[in-house]
Amino acid sequence: MLTSQKFESLSMGSTFKAIRKEEVENFQIPLPPLPEQRRIAEILSAVDRKLELERRRKEKLERMKKGLMNELLTGRKRMKVEE
């Protein structure tokens, strides 16, 4: 039985659905084997590291853009415009 269907079958009441504490305590949630959990954790950690590196790179590029825009707008730096 799907989890949402299981909870629905456990809930009582017509206006306010409720599940008793005992039913939740006895509810078993299937987990993947420990080696698979570890592999999932490794993959998620690698993704987190990559996201952090990309966030830092983006911040650096934004600082560079801000600096270059300031140089251009103040006239300290000129660009040749080709026609």
Protein backbone atom coordinates (compact mmCIF):
# COMPACT_ATOMS: atom_id res chain seq x y z
CA MET A 1 0.00 0.00 0.00
CA LEU A 2 1.34 3.46 -0.85
CA THR A 3 2.39 5.58 2.11
CA SER A 4 -0.26 8.27 1.54
CA GLN A 5 -2.93 5.58 1.21
CA LYS A 6 -1.67 3.94 4.41
CA PHE A 7 -1.90 7.21 6.34
CA GLU A 8 -5.33 7.88 4.88
CA SER A 9 -6.56 4.49 6.06
CA LEU A 10 -5.19 5.16 9.56
CA SER A 11 -6.72 8.62 9.88
CA MET A 12 -10.01 9.13 11.66
CA GLY A 13 -12.58 11.92 11.72
CA SER A 14 -14.62 13.67 9.08
CA THR A 15 -13.76 17.33 9.64
CA PHE A 16 -10.30 17.04 11.15
CA LYS A 17 -8.27 14.00 10.17
CA ALA A 18 -6.04 12.66 12.93
CA ILE A 19 -3.72 9.72 13.41
CA ARG A 20 -3.13 8.28 16.85
CA LYS A 21 0.38 8.36 18.28
CA GLU A 22 0.46 4.57 18.61
CA GLU A 23 -0.24 4.14 14.90
CA VAL A 24 2.63 6.43 13.94
CA GLU A 25 5.02 4.77 16.40
CA ASN A 26 4.31 1.37 14.84
CA PHE A 27 4.48 2.61 11.25
CA GLN A 28 7.44 1.06 9.48
CA ILE A 29 9.30 3.11 6.89
CA PRO A 30 11.39 1.06 4.47
CA LEU A 31 15.00 2.17 4.16
CA PRO A 32 17.56 1.18 1.56
CA PRO A 33 20.44 -1.03 2.75
CA LEU A 34 23.25 0.78 4.59
CA PRO A 35 25.75 0.59 1.68
CA GLU A 36 23.16 2.20 -0.59
CA GLN A 37 22.46 4.90 2.01
CA ARG A 38 26.19 5.63 2.20
CA ARG A 39 26.45 5.86 -1.60
CA ILE A 40 23.48 8.24 -1.69
CA ALA A 41 25.14 10.36 1.01
CA GLU A 42 28.42 10.43 -0.97
CA ILE A 43 26.62 11.56 -4.12
CA LEU A 44 24.69 14.26 -2.26
CA SER A 45 27.90 15.47 -0.59
CA ALA A 46 29.61 15.70 -3.99
CA VAL A 47 26.66 17.68 -5.35
CA ASP A 48 26.80 20.01 -2.31
CA ARG A 49 30.53 20.61 -2.88
CA LYS A 50 29.92 21.35 -6.58
CA LEU A 51 27.09 23.76 -5.73
CA GLU A 52 29.30 25.58 -3.23
CA LEU A 53 32.09 25.92 -5.80
CA GLU A 54 29.64 27.24 -8.39
CA ARG A 55 28.18 29.69 -5.85
CA ARG A 56 31.67 31.04 -5.09
CA ARG A 57 32.48 31.27 -8.81
CA LYS A 58 29.25 33.16 -9.46
CA GLU A 59 29.98 35.60 -6.62
CA LYS A 60 33.48 36.19 -8.01
CA LEU A 61 32.11 36.84 -11.50
CA GLU A 62 29.49 39.22 -10.09
CA ARG A 63 32.23 41.17 -8.25
CA MET A 64 34.27 41.33 -11.45
CA LYS A 65 31.26 42.53 -13.43
CA LYS A 66 30.49 45.19 -10.83
CA GLY A 67 34.09 46.41 -10.92
CA LEU A 68 34.21 46.49 -14.72
CA MET A 69 30.86 48.29 -14.93
CA ASN A 70 32.15 50.88 -12.51
CA GLU A 71 35.32 51.33 -14.59
CA LEU A 72 33.25 51.76 -17.77
CA LEU A 73 30.66 54.09 -16.26
CA THR A 74 33.26 56.39 -14.69
CA GLY A 75 35.23 56.53 -17.94
CA ARG A 76 38.39 55.07 -16.45
CA LYS A 77 38.17 52.28 -18.96
CA ARG A 78 37.24 52.69 -22.61
CA MET A 79 35.98 50.13 -25.08
CA LYS A 80 36.24 50.29 -28.82
CA VAL A 81 32.88 49.93 -30.50
CA GLU A 82 33.03 48.45 -33.97
CA GLU A 83 30.50 49.63 -36.46
